[in-house]
Amino acid sequence: MKKILSVIFAFAILFTFASCGTTSAPEETEAPEETALQGVSAPVDILNTVWASYAEEEKFFAMGGSPVAPVDGAPGAFDVSDVETLAAQLVCTGDAVAMIDDAASIMHAMNANTFTGAAYHLSDSANKDAFVAAMKDSISTNQWMCGFPEKLLIVSVADYVVVTFGAADITETFKTKLLSAYEIAVVEIEEAIA
């Protein structure tokens, strides 16, 4: 009888230990891209984050947005329905325009060729490579006035694409700040503009 009770007791202990695991539903976790882009609901949020990381002595005389809604000294939202201004100021033309649903800009206030930066939200993230290629083509074939920008930089950040062109040193500083702000950022194109 003692042996039977001992065996029953041993099984009871075994089942007790086996059921000690967590029985609650697993916690929902955010995808890495969602976590990395917390606080970003529009392209202007990316540019504001980068601009805010500049020390005062690093900042240049800047303006953002579009002519109908200019922002002095900071990035601003850009009206993507104004296709003509989008092409003239940000060199976003043709096929590229059809792939975006939101944009923002920051430019050197004295000369856009010194620095122009734009962030775009892709209406379909599957179009990222096509958008990058279209922007590279548009910028490399642009007819520049008041001198050539030195460098082109295109960086993807999930379903956003950031495009900058201008002086090499200003573009490099922007790239460093952008990559520091967003770990998931990927440099798609970085090259001299010939």
N, C-alpha and C. Protein backbone atom coordinates (compact mmCIF):
# COMPACT_ATOMS: atom_id res chain seq x y z
N MET A 1 0.81 -1.18 0.00
CA MET A 1 0.00 0.00 0.00
C MET A 1 0.86 1.25 0.00
N LYS A 2 1.97 1.21 0.78
CA LYS A 2 2.87 2.35 0.82
C LYS A 2 3.47 2.60 -0.55
N LYS A 3 3.79 1.53 -1.27
CA LYS A 3 4.39 1.68 -2.60
C LYS A 3 3.39 2.33 -3.55
N ILE A 4 2.15 1.92 -3.49
CA ILE A 4 1.12 2.49 -4.37
C ILE A 4 0.94 3.97 -4.05
N LEU A 5 0.87 4.30 -2.76
CA LEU A 5 0.72 5.71 -2.38
C LEU A 5 1.95 6.53 -2.80
N SER A 6 3.12 5.93 -2.69
CA SER A 6 4.35 6.63 -3.10
C SER A 6 4.34 6.91 -4.60
N VAL A 7 3.89 5.92 -5.38
CA VAL A 7 3.83 6.10 -6.84
C VAL A 7 2.79 7.17 -7.18
N ILE A 8 1.62 7.14 -6.55
CA ILE A 8 0.58 8.14 -6.80
C ILE A 8 1.11 9.53 -6.41
N PHE A 9 1.77 9.62 -5.26
CA PHE A 9 2.33 10.88 -4.80
C PHE A 9 3.39 11.40 -5.79
N ALA A 10 4.23 10.52 -6.30
CA ALA A 10 5.28 10.91 -7.26
C ALA A 10 4.65 11.45 -8.55
N PHE A 11 3.60 10.78 -9.03
CA PHE A 11 2.91 11.27 -10.23
C PHE A 11 2.25 12.63 -9.97
N ALA A 12 1.67 12.78 -8.79
CA ALA A 12 1.03 14.06 -8.45
C ALA A 12 2.06 15.19 -8.46
N ILE A 13 3.23 14.94 -7.90
CA ILE A 13 4.30 15.96 -7.90
C ILE A 13 4.76 16.24 -9.33
N LEU A 14 4.92 15.20 -10.12
CA LEU A 14 5.34 15.36 -11.51
C LEU A 14 4.35 16.23 -12.29
N PHE A 15 3.05 15.94 -12.13
CA PHE A 15 2.04 16.75 -12.83
C PHE A 15 1.99 18.18 -12.31
N THR A 16 2.27 18.36 -11.04
CA THR A 16 2.30 19.71 -10.47
C THR A 16 3.41 20.53 -11.10
N PHE A 17 4.61 19.94 -11.20
CA PHE A 17 5.75 20.65 -11.81
C PHE A 17 5.51 20.89 -13.29
N ALA A 18 4.89 19.97 -13.96
CA ALA A 18 4.65 20.10 -15.39
C ALA A 18 3.68 21.24 -15.69
N SER A 19 2.77 21.51 -14.75
CA SER A 19 1.79 22.57 -15.00
C SER A 19 2.23 23.92 -14.46
N CYS A 20 3.44 24.04 -13.99
CA CYS A 20 3.92 25.31 -13.42
C CYS A 20 4.29 26.34 -14.48
N GLY A 21 4.31 25.96 -15.74
CA GLY A 21 4.66 26.91 -16.80
C GLY A 21 3.59 27.97 -16.96
N THR A 22 3.91 28.98 -17.72
CA THR A 22 2.96 30.08 -17.96
C THR A 22 1.81 29.58 -18.82
N THR A 23 0.61 29.88 -18.36
CA THR A 23 -0.56 29.46 -19.13
C THR A 23 -1.25 30.63 -19.79
N SER A 24 -0.77 31.86 -19.54
CA SER A 24 -1.41 33.03 -20.16
C SER A 24 -0.97 33.14 -21.62
N ALA A 25 -1.76 33.89 -22.38
CA ALA A 25 -1.45 34.09 -23.80
C ALA A 25 -0.16 34.90 -23.93
N PRO A 26 0.63 34.63 -24.96
CA PRO A 26 1.88 35.38 -25.14
C PRO A 26 1.57 36.85 -25.41
N GLU A 27 2.47 37.72 -24.91
CA GLU A 27 2.30 39.15 -25.14
C GLU A 27 2.50 39.48 -26.61
N GLU A 28 1.71 40.44 -27.08
CA GLU A 28 1.90 40.90 -28.45
C GLU A 28 3.09 41.85 -28.46
N THR A 29 3.99 41.62 -29.37
CA THR A 29 5.14 42.52 -29.48
C THR A 29 5.10 43.22 -30.82
N GLU A 30 5.64 44.43 -30.84
CA GLU A 30 5.67 45.19 -32.08
C GLU A 30 6.77 44.66 -32.98
N ALA A 31 6.57 44.79 -34.26
CA ALA A 31 7.61 44.42 -35.21
C ALA A 31 8.77 45.38 -35.04
N PRO A 32 10.01 44.96 -35.36
CA PRO A 32 11.17 45.84 -35.21
C PRO A 32 11.01 47.18 -35.93
N GLU A 33 10.41 47.18 -37.14
CA GLU A 33 10.23 48.43 -37.87
C GLU A 33 9.27 49.36 -37.15
N GLU A 34 8.21 48.79 -36.54
CA GLU A 34 7.25 49.62 -35.82
C GLU A 34 7.91 50.26 -34.61
N THR A 35 8.72 49.49 -33.89
CA THR A 35 9.43 50.01 -32.73
C THR A 35 10.41 51.09 -33.15
N ALA A 36 11.14 50.84 -34.23
CA ALA A 36 12.15 51.80 -34.69
C ALA A 36 11.53 53.09 -35.21
N LEU A 37 10.28 53.04 -35.65
CA LEU A 37 9.62 54.23 -36.20
C LEU A 37 8.56 54.81 -35.27
N GLN A 38 8.65 54.52 -33.97
CA GLN A 38 7.69 55.11 -33.04
C GLN A 38 7.77 56.63 -33.13
N GLY A 39 6.62 57.26 -33.16
CA GLY A 39 6.57 58.71 -33.27
C GLY A 39 6.61 59.23 -34.69
N VAL A 40 6.69 58.32 -35.67
CA VAL A 40 6.71 58.73 -37.07
C VAL A 40 5.37 58.39 -37.70
N SER A 41 4.62 59.43 -38.06
CA SER A 41 3.35 59.21 -38.75
C SER A 41 3.33 59.93 -40.09
N ALA A 42 4.40 60.68 -40.38
CA ALA A 42 4.50 61.42 -41.63
C ALA A 42 5.96 61.69 -41.93
N PRO A 43 6.30 61.95 -43.20
CA PRO A 43 7.69 62.22 -43.56
C PRO A 43 8.32 63.38 -42.78
N VAL A 44 7.53 64.39 -42.45
CA VAL A 44 8.09 65.53 -41.71
C VAL A 44 8.61 65.11 -40.34
N ASP A 45 8.06 64.05 -39.76
CA ASP A 45 8.53 63.58 -38.46
C ASP A 45 9.97 63.09 -38.55
N ILE A 46 10.31 62.42 -39.65
CA ILE A 46 11.69 61.95 -39.83
C ILE A 46 12.64 63.14 -39.95
N LEU A 47 12.29 64.11 -40.79
CA LEU A 47 13.16 65.28 -40.96
C LEU A 47 13.27 66.09 -39.67
N ASN A 48 12.18 66.22 -38.93
CA ASN A 48 12.24 66.94 -37.66
C ASN A 48 13.15 66.25 -36.66
N THR A 49 13.11 64.93 -36.62
CA THR A 49 13.97 64.17 -35.71
C THR A 49 15.44 64.40 -36.06
N VAL A 50 15.76 64.33 -37.34
CA VAL A 50 17.15 64.54 -37.77
C VAL A 50 17.57 65.97 -37.46
N TRP A 51 16.74 66.95 -37.82
CA TRP A 51 17.08 68.37 -37.63
C TRP A 51 17.27 68.68 -36.13
N ALA A 52 16.45 68.08 -35.29
CA ALA A 52 16.56 68.31 -33.84
C ALA A 52 17.86 67.75 -33.27
N SER A 53 18.49 66.80 -33.96
CA SER A 53 19.74 66.22 -33.46
C SER A 53 20.96 67.08 -33.80
N TYR A 54 20.78 68.10 -34.62
CA TYR A 54 21.89 69.00 -34.96
C TYR A 54 22.19 69.90 -33.77
N ALA A 55 23.47 70.11 -33.50
CA ALA A 55 23.87 71.14 -32.54
C ALA A 55 23.65 72.49 -33.21
N GLU A 56 23.47 73.53 -32.43
CA GLU A 56 23.21 74.86 -33.00
C GLU A 56 24.28 75.28 -34.00
N GLU A 57 25.54 74.99 -33.71
CA GLU A 57 26.62 75.39 -34.62
C GLU A 57 26.66 74.56 -35.91
N GLU A 58 25.96 73.43 -35.93
CA GLU A 58 25.90 72.61 -37.14
C GLU A 58 24.77 73.03 -38.08
N LYS A 59 23.78 73.72 -37.54
CA LYS A 59 22.61 74.08 -38.35
C LYS A 59 22.98 75.16 -39.36
N PHE A 60 22.32 75.09 -40.50
CA PHE A 60 22.48 76.10 -41.55
C PHE A 60 21.17 76.86 -41.70
N PHE A 61 21.21 77.95 -42.42
CA PHE A 61 20.03 78.77 -42.65
C PHE A 61 19.07 77.95 -43.50
N ALA A 62 18.00 77.46 -42.87
CA ALA A 62 17.14 76.47 -43.53
C ALA A 62 15.69 76.94 -43.59
N MET A 63 14.99 76.32 -44.53
CA MET A 63 13.54 76.49 -44.63
C MET A 63 12.97 75.17 -45.11
N GLY A 64 11.72 74.93 -44.77
CA GLY A 64 11.10 73.67 -45.16
C GLY A 64 9.71 73.89 -45.71
N GLY A 65 9.09 72.80 -46.12
CA GLY A 65 7.75 72.86 -46.66
C GLY A 65 7.72 73.29 -48.11
N SER A 66 6.56 73.73 -48.54
CA SER A 66 6.37 74.16 -49.92
C SER A 66 5.98 75.64 -49.92
N PRO A 67 5.97 76.28 -51.08
CA PRO A 67 5.66 77.71 -51.14
C PRO A 67 4.31 78.09 -50.51
N VAL A 68 3.34 77.21 -50.55
CA VAL A 68 2.04 77.54 -49.97
C VAL A 68 2.03 77.39 -48.44
N ALA A 69 2.98 76.62 -47.90
CA ALA A 69 3.07 76.43 -46.45
C ALA A 69 4.54 76.37 -46.03
N PRO A 70 5.27 77.48 -46.18
CA PRO A 70 6.70 77.47 -45.83
C PRO A 70 6.91 77.45 -44.32
N VAL A 71 8.02 76.85 -43.90
CA VAL A 71 8.40 76.80 -42.49
C VAL A 71 9.81 77.38 -42.40
N ASP A 72 9.98 78.39 -41.59
CA ASP A 72 11.27 79.04 -41.45
C ASP A 72 12.12 78.33 -40.40
N GLY A 73 13.32 77.93 -40.78
CA GLY A 73 14.27 77.35 -39.85
C GLY A 73 14.03 75.91 -39.45
N ALA A 74 13.18 75.20 -40.17
CA ALA A 74 12.87 73.81 -39.82
C ALA A 74 12.23 73.10 -41.00
N PRO A 75 12.17 71.78 -40.96
CA PRO A 75 11.45 71.04 -42.01
C PRO A 75 9.97 71.36 -42.01
N GLY A 76 9.33 71.11 -43.14
CA GLY A 76 7.89 71.31 -43.25
C GLY A 76 7.27 70.32 -44.20
N ALA A 77 5.99 70.11 -44.05
CA ALA A 77 5.24 69.20 -44.94
C ALA A 77 5.18 69.81 -46.34
N PHE A 78 5.14 68.94 -47.34
CA PHE A 78 5.12 69.37 -48.74
C PHE A 78 3.87 68.80 -49.40
N ASP A 79 3.14 69.64 -50.08
CA ASP A 79 1.90 69.23 -50.74
C ASP A 79 2.23 68.44 -52.01
N VAL A 80 2.01 67.13 -51.98
CA VAL A 80 2.36 66.28 -53.13
C VAL A 80 1.39 66.44 -54.29
N SER A 81 0.28 67.10 -54.08
CA SER A 81 -0.63 67.33 -55.20
C SER A 81 -0.13 68.46 -56.11
N ASP A 82 0.81 69.27 -55.61
CA ASP A 82 1.41 70.34 -56.40
C ASP A 82 2.61 69.76 -57.16
N VAL A 83 2.31 69.02 -58.21
CA VAL A 83 3.32 68.26 -58.95
C VAL A 83 4.38 69.18 -59.57
N GLU A 84 3.97 70.34 -60.04
CA GLU A 84 4.91 71.26 -60.68
C GLU A 84 5.96 71.77 -59.68
N THR A 85 5.53 72.14 -58.49
CA THR A 85 6.48 72.62 -57.48
C THR A 85 7.31 71.47 -56.93
N LEU A 86 6.71 70.30 -56.81
CA LEU A 86 7.44 69.11 -56.37
C LEU A 86 8.62 68.84 -57.31
N ALA A 87 8.38 68.99 -58.61
CA ALA A 87 9.44 68.78 -59.60
C ALA A 87 10.47 69.91 -59.55
N ALA A 88 10.02 71.14 -59.44
CA ALA A 88 10.92 72.29 -59.48
C ALA A 88 11.81 72.37 -58.24
N GLN A 89 11.25 72.11 -57.06
CA GLN A 89 12.03 72.27 -55.82
C GLN A 89 12.73 71.01 -55.35
N LEU A 90 12.06 69.86 -55.48
CA LEU A 90 12.62 68.63 -54.94
C LEU A 90 13.10 67.66 -56.01
N VAL A 91 12.94 68.03 -57.27
CA VAL A 91 13.35 67.22 -58.42
C VAL A 91 12.68 65.84 -58.38
N CYS A 92 11.46 65.81 -57.89
CA CYS A 92 10.66 64.58 -57.85
C CYS A 92 9.68 64.67 -59.02
N THR A 93 9.95 63.89 -60.05
CA THR A 93 9.18 64.02 -61.30
C THR A 93 8.66 62.67 -61.78
N GLY A 94 7.83 62.73 -62.79
CA GLY A 94 7.40 61.55 -63.54
C GLY A 94 6.88 60.42 -62.70
N ASP A 95 7.47 59.25 -62.91
CA ASP A 95 7.02 58.03 -62.24
C ASP A 95 7.13 58.12 -60.73
N ALA A 96 8.14 58.84 -60.23
CA ALA A 96 8.35 58.93 -58.78
C ALA A 96 7.15 59.55 -58.08
N VAL A 97 6.56 60.56 -58.68
CA VAL A 97 5.42 61.26 -58.08
C VAL A 97 4.25 60.30 -57.86
N ALA A 98 4.02 59.41 -58.79
CA ALA A 98 2.90 58.48 -58.69
C ALA A 98 3.08 57.45 -57.58
N MET A 99 4.29 57.32 -57.04
CA MET A 99 4.56 56.30 -56.02
C MET A 99 4.50 56.82 -54.59
N ILE A 100 4.21 58.11 -54.40
CA ILE A 100 4.20 58.68 -53.05
C ILE A 100 2.82 59.22 -52.69
N ASP A 101 2.58 59.29 -51.39
CA ASP A 101 1.32 59.89 -50.92
C ASP A 101 1.55 60.98 -49.89
N ASP A 102 2.81 61.24 -49.53
CA ASP A 102 3.13 62.31 -48.59
C ASP A 102 4.60 62.66 -48.73
N ALA A 103 4.94 63.91 -48.38
CA ALA A 103 6.33 64.35 -48.49
C ALA A 103 6.59 65.49 -47.52
N ALA A 104 7.87 65.74 -47.27
CA ALA A 104 8.32 66.87 -46.46
C ALA A 104 9.68 67.30 -46.99
N SER A 105 10.07 68.53 -46.67
CA SER A 105 11.36 69.01 -47.17
C SER A 105 12.07 69.90 -46.17
N ILE A 106 13.38 70.00 -46.36
CA ILE A 106 14.21 71.00 -45.70
C ILE A 106 15.29 71.37 -46.71
N MET A 107 15.50 72.68 -46.88
CA MET A 107 16.46 73.14 -47.88
C MET A 107 17.31 74.26 -47.30
N HIS A 108 18.50 74.40 -47.87
CA HIS A 108 19.32 75.56 -47.54
C HIS A 108 18.60 76.78 -48.10
N ALA A 109 18.35 77.78 -47.27
CA ALA A 109 17.53 78.91 -47.67
C ALA A 109 18.19 79.83 -48.70
N MET A 110 19.51 79.78 -48.82
CA MET A 110 20.20 80.64 -49.77
C MET A 110 20.37 80.01 -51.14
N ASN A 111 20.56 78.67 -51.16
CA ASN A 111 20.79 77.98 -52.43
C ASN A 111 20.41 76.51 -52.27
N ALA A 112 19.39 76.10 -52.98
CA ALA A 112 18.91 74.72 -52.88
C ALA A 112 19.97 73.71 -53.32
N ASN A 113 20.90 74.12 -54.18
CA ASN A 113 21.96 73.20 -54.60
C ASN A 113 22.98 72.96 -53.49
N THR A 114 23.01 73.85 -52.49
CA THR A 114 23.90 73.64 -51.35
C THR A 114 23.37 72.50 -50.49
N PHE A 115 22.05 72.45 -50.30
CA PHE A 115 21.42 71.31 -49.63
C PHE A 115 19.93 71.32 -49.87
N THR A 116 19.43 70.21 -50.34
CA THR A 116 17.99 69.95 -50.41
C THR A 116 17.77 68.55 -49.86
N GLY A 117 16.86 68.45 -48.92
CA GLY A 117 16.51 67.16 -48.35
C GLY A 117 15.00 66.97 -48.40
N ALA A 118 14.58 65.79 -48.73
CA ALA A 118 13.15 65.49 -48.77
C ALA A 118 12.92 64.09 -48.24
N ALA A 119 11.82 63.93 -47.53
CA ALA A 119 11.40 62.61 -47.08
C ALA A 119 10.06 62.32 -47.73
N TYR A 120 9.92 61.10 -48.22
CA TYR A 120 8.71 60.70 -48.93
C TYR A 120 8.13 59.45 -48.28
N HIS A 121 6.80 59.37 -48.26
CA HIS A 121 6.15 58.14 -47.84
C HIS A 121 5.66 57.43 -49.09
N LEU A 122 6.07 56.19 -49.25
CA LEU A 122 5.65 55.40 -50.40
C LEU A 122 4.22 54.92 -50.20
N SER A 123 3.39 55.07 -51.21
CA SER A 123 2.02 54.57 -51.10
C SER A 123 1.99 53.04 -51.09
N ASP A 124 3.04 52.41 -51.63
CA ASP A 124 3.19 50.96 -51.59
C ASP A 124 4.68 50.67 -51.41
N SER A 125 5.04 50.07 -50.28
CA SER A 125 6.46 49.83 -49.99
C SER A 125 7.12 48.90 -51.01
N ALA A 126 6.34 48.14 -51.77
CA ALA A 126 6.90 47.28 -52.82
C ALA A 126 7.54 48.10 -53.93
N ASN A 127 7.21 49.40 -54.00
CA ASN A 127 7.77 50.27 -55.05
C ASN A 127 9.08 50.94 -54.66
N LYS A 128 9.66 50.56 -53.52
CA LYS A 128 10.86 51.24 -53.03
C LYS A 128 11.97 51.27 -54.08
N ASP A 129 12.33 50.14 -54.65
CA ASP A 129 13.44 50.11 -55.61
C ASP A 129 13.13 50.94 -56.85
N ALA A 130 11.90 50.88 -57.31
CA ALA A 130 11.51 51.67 -58.48
C ALA A 130 11.54 53.16 -58.16
N PHE A 131 11.12 53.54 -56.95
CA PHE A 131 11.15 54.94 -56.55
C PHE A 131 12.59 55.45 -56.45
N VAL A 132 13.45 54.65 -55.82
CA VAL A 132 14.87 55.03 -55.69
C VAL A 132 15.48 55.23 -57.07
N ALA A 133 15.23 54.31 -57.99
CA ALA A 133 15.77 54.42 -59.35
C ALA A 133 15.22 55.66 -60.06
N ALA A 134 13.93 55.92 -59.91
CA ALA A 134 13.32 57.09 -60.56
C ALA A 134 13.90 58.38 -60.02
N MET A 135 14.13 58.46 -58.70
CA MET A 135 14.70 59.67 -58.11
C MET A 135 16.16 59.86 -58.54
N LYS A 136 16.90 58.77 -58.59
CA LYS A 136 18.30 58.88 -59.04
C LYS A 136 18.33 59.40 -60.47
N ASP A 137 17.49 58.85 -61.33
CA ASP A 137 17.45 59.27 -62.72
C ASP A 137 17.03 60.74 -62.84
N SER A 138 16.03 61.13 -62.09
CA SER A 138 15.53 62.50 -62.14
C SER A 138 16.60 63.50 -61.71
N ILE A 139 17.31 63.19 -60.63
CA ILE A 139 18.33 64.10 -60.12
C ILE A 139 19.56 64.11 -61.01
N SER A 140 19.97 62.96 -61.49
CA SER A 140 21.19 62.91 -62.32
C SER A 140 21.00 63.52 -63.70
N THR A 141 19.76 63.63 -64.18
CA THR A 141 19.53 64.23 -65.49
C THR A 141 18.95 65.65 -65.39
N ASN A 142 18.86 66.18 -64.17
CA ASN A 142 18.30 67.51 -63.98
C ASN A 142 19.21 68.59 -64.59
N GLN A 143 18.61 69.65 -65.10
CA GLN A 143 19.35 70.81 -65.62
C GLN A 143 19.54 71.78 -64.46
N TRP A 144 20.73 71.79 -63.86
CA TRP A 144 20.99 72.58 -62.67
C TRP A 144 21.28 74.04 -63.01
N MET A 145 20.82 74.92 -62.14
CA MET A 145 21.14 76.34 -62.24
C MET A 145 21.92 76.70 -60.99
N CYS A 146 22.77 77.70 -61.08
CA CYS A 146 23.56 78.17 -59.92
C CYS A 146 24.49 77.10 -59.40
N GLY A 147 25.10 76.33 -60.27
CA GLY A 147 26.06 75.31 -59.87
C GLY A 147 25.44 73.95 -59.63
N PHE A 148 26.30 72.93 -59.64
CA PHE A 148 25.87 71.55 -59.43
C PHE A 148 25.96 71.17 -57.96
N PRO A 149 25.00 70.42 -57.45
CA PRO A 149 25.20 69.82 -56.13
C PRO A 149 26.31 68.79 -56.25
N GLU A 150 27.05 68.56 -55.18
CA GLU A 150 28.19 67.64 -55.24
C GLU A 150 27.81 66.18 -55.01
N LYS A 151 26.82 65.95 -54.18
CA LYS A 151 26.57 64.58 -53.73
C LYS A 151 25.08 64.27 -53.70
N LEU A 152 24.75 63.04 -54.04
CA LEU A 152 23.39 62.50 -53.95
C LEU A 152 23.37 61.40 -52.90
N LEU A 153 22.36 61.45 -52.03
CA LEU A 153 22.20 60.43 -51.00
C LEU A 153 20.73 60.02 -50.96
N ILE A 154 20.46 58.72 -51.06
CA ILE A 154 19.10 58.20 -50.95
C ILE A 154 19.12 57.09 -49.90
N VAL A 155 18.27 57.26 -48.88
CA VAL A 155 18.22 56.32 -47.75
C VAL A 155 16.78 55.87 -47.56
N SER A 156 16.59 54.56 -47.39
CA SER A 156 15.25 54.05 -47.09
C SER A 156 15.13 53.82 -45.58
N VAL A 157 13.94 54.12 -45.07
CA VAL A 157 13.63 53.89 -43.66
C VAL A 157 12.23 53.28 -43.64
N ALA A 158 12.17 51.95 -43.69
CA ALA A 158 10.91 51.21 -43.80
C ALA A 158 10.18 51.66 -45.07
N ASP A 159 8.96 52.20 -44.96
CA ASP A 159 8.23 52.62 -46.17
C ASP A 159 8.38 54.12 -46.44
N TYR A 160 9.45 54.69 -45.92
CA TYR A 160 9.83 56.08 -46.21
C TYR A 160 11.15 56.07 -46.98
N VAL A 161 11.34 57.07 -47.83
CA VAL A 161 12.61 57.24 -48.54
C VAL A 161 13.03 58.69 -48.36
N VAL A 162 14.28 58.87 -47.93
CA VAL A 162 14.84 60.20 -47.73
C VAL A 162 15.85 60.44 -48.84
N VAL A 163 15.69 61.57 -49.56
CA VAL A 163 16.55 61.91 -50.69
C VAL A 163 17.19 63.26 -50.38
N THR A 164 18.52 63.32 -50.45
CA THR A 164 19.21 64.59 -50.27
C THR A 164 20.23 64.78 -51.37
N PHE A 165 20.47 66.04 -51.71
CA PHE A 165 21.57 66.37 -52.61
C PHE A 165 22.11 67.73 -52.20
N GLY A 166 23.40 67.93 -52.47
CA GLY A 166 24.01 69.21 -52.11
C GLY A 166 25.49 69.08 -51.88
N ALA A 167 26.03 70.00 -51.09
CA ALA A 167 27.45 69.99 -50.75
C ALA A 167 27.77 68.70 -50.00
N ALA A 168 28.94 68.15 -50.30
CA ALA A 168 29.31 66.85 -49.74
C ALA A 168 29.35 66.88 -48.21
N ASP A 169 29.90 67.93 -47.61
CA ASP A 169 30.02 67.96 -46.16
C ASP A 169 28.65 68.08 -45.47
N ILE A 170 27.76 68.88 -46.01
CA ILE A 170 26.43 69.03 -45.41
C ILE A 170 25.63 67.73 -45.58
N THR A 171 25.75 67.11 -46.73
CA THR A 171 25.05 65.85 -46.98
C THR A 171 25.58 64.74 -46.07
N GLU A 172 26.88 64.73 -45.85
CA GLU A 172 27.49 63.72 -44.97
C GLU A 172 27.01 63.89 -43.53
N THR A 173 26.95 65.12 -43.06
CA THR A 173 26.45 65.37 -41.70
C THR A 173 25.01 64.89 -41.57
N PHE A 174 24.18 65.21 -42.57
CA PHE A 174 22.79 64.78 -42.55
C PHE A 174 22.71 63.25 -42.52
N LYS A 175 23.51 62.59 -43.33
CA LYS A 175 23.51 61.11 -43.37
C LYS A 175 23.85 60.54 -42.00
N THR A 176 24.89 61.07 -41.36
CA THR A 176 25.30 60.58 -40.05
C THR A 176 24.18 60.72 -39.04
N LYS A 177 23.50 61.85 -39.04
CA LYS A 177 22.41 62.09 -38.10
C LYS A 177 21.21 61.18 -38.41
N LEU A 178 20.90 60.99 -39.68
CA LEU A 178 19.78 60.14 -40.07
C LEU A 178 20.02 58.69 -39.66
N LEU A 179 21.21 58.18 -39.94
CA LEU A 179 21.52 56.79 -39.60
C LEU A 179 21.58 56.58 -38.09
N SER A 180 21.98 57.61 -37.36
CA SER A 180 21.99 57.51 -35.89
C SER A 180 20.57 57.51 -35.33
N ALA A 181 19.69 58.26 -35.95
CA ALA A 181 18.31 58.38 -35.46
C ALA A 181 17.49 57.12 -35.75
N TYR A 182 17.78 56.45 -36.87
CA TYR A 182 16.97 55.31 -37.29
C TYR A 182 17.88 54.12 -37.63
N GLU A 183 17.96 53.17 -36.71
CA GLU A 183 18.83 52.00 -36.89
C GLU A 183 18.45 51.18 -38.12
N ILE A 184 17.17 51.24 -38.53
CA ILE A 184 16.73 50.44 -39.66
C ILE A 184 16.97 51.15 -41.00
N ALA A 185 17.54 52.36 -40.95
CA ALA A 185 17.81 53.10 -42.19
C ALA A 185 18.87 52.37 -43.01
N VAL A 186 18.65 52.36 -44.33
CA VAL A 186 19.57 51.68 -45.26
C VAL A 186 19.97 52.66 -46.35
N VAL A 187 21.26 52.83 -46.54
CA VAL A 187 21.75 53.70 -47.62
C VAL A 187 21.55 52.95 -48.93
N GLU A 188 20.69 53.48 -49.78
CA GLU A 188 20.41 52.88 -51.08
C GLU A 188 21.38 53.39 -52.14
N ILE A 189 21.63 54.70 -52.14
CA ILE A 189 22.54 55.32 -53.11
C ILE A 189 23.31 56.41 -52.40
N GLU A 190 24.61 56.44 -52.64
CA GLU A 190 25.47 57.52 -52.16
C GLU A 190 26.55 57.71 -53.22
N GLU A 191 26.46 58.82 -53.94
CA GLU A 191 27.42 59.01 -55.02
C GLU A 191 27.56 60.48 -55.38
N ALA A 192 28.66 60.77 -56.05
CA ALA A 192 28.89 62.13 -56.53
C ALA A 192 27.94 62.39 -57.71
N ILE A 193 27.51 63.64 -57.84
CA ILE A 193 26.69 64.02 -58.98
C ILE A 193 27.62 64.60 -60.03
N ALA A 194 27.65 63.97 -61.19
CA ALA A 194 28.57 64.42 -62.25
C ALA A 194 27.89 65.39 -63.18
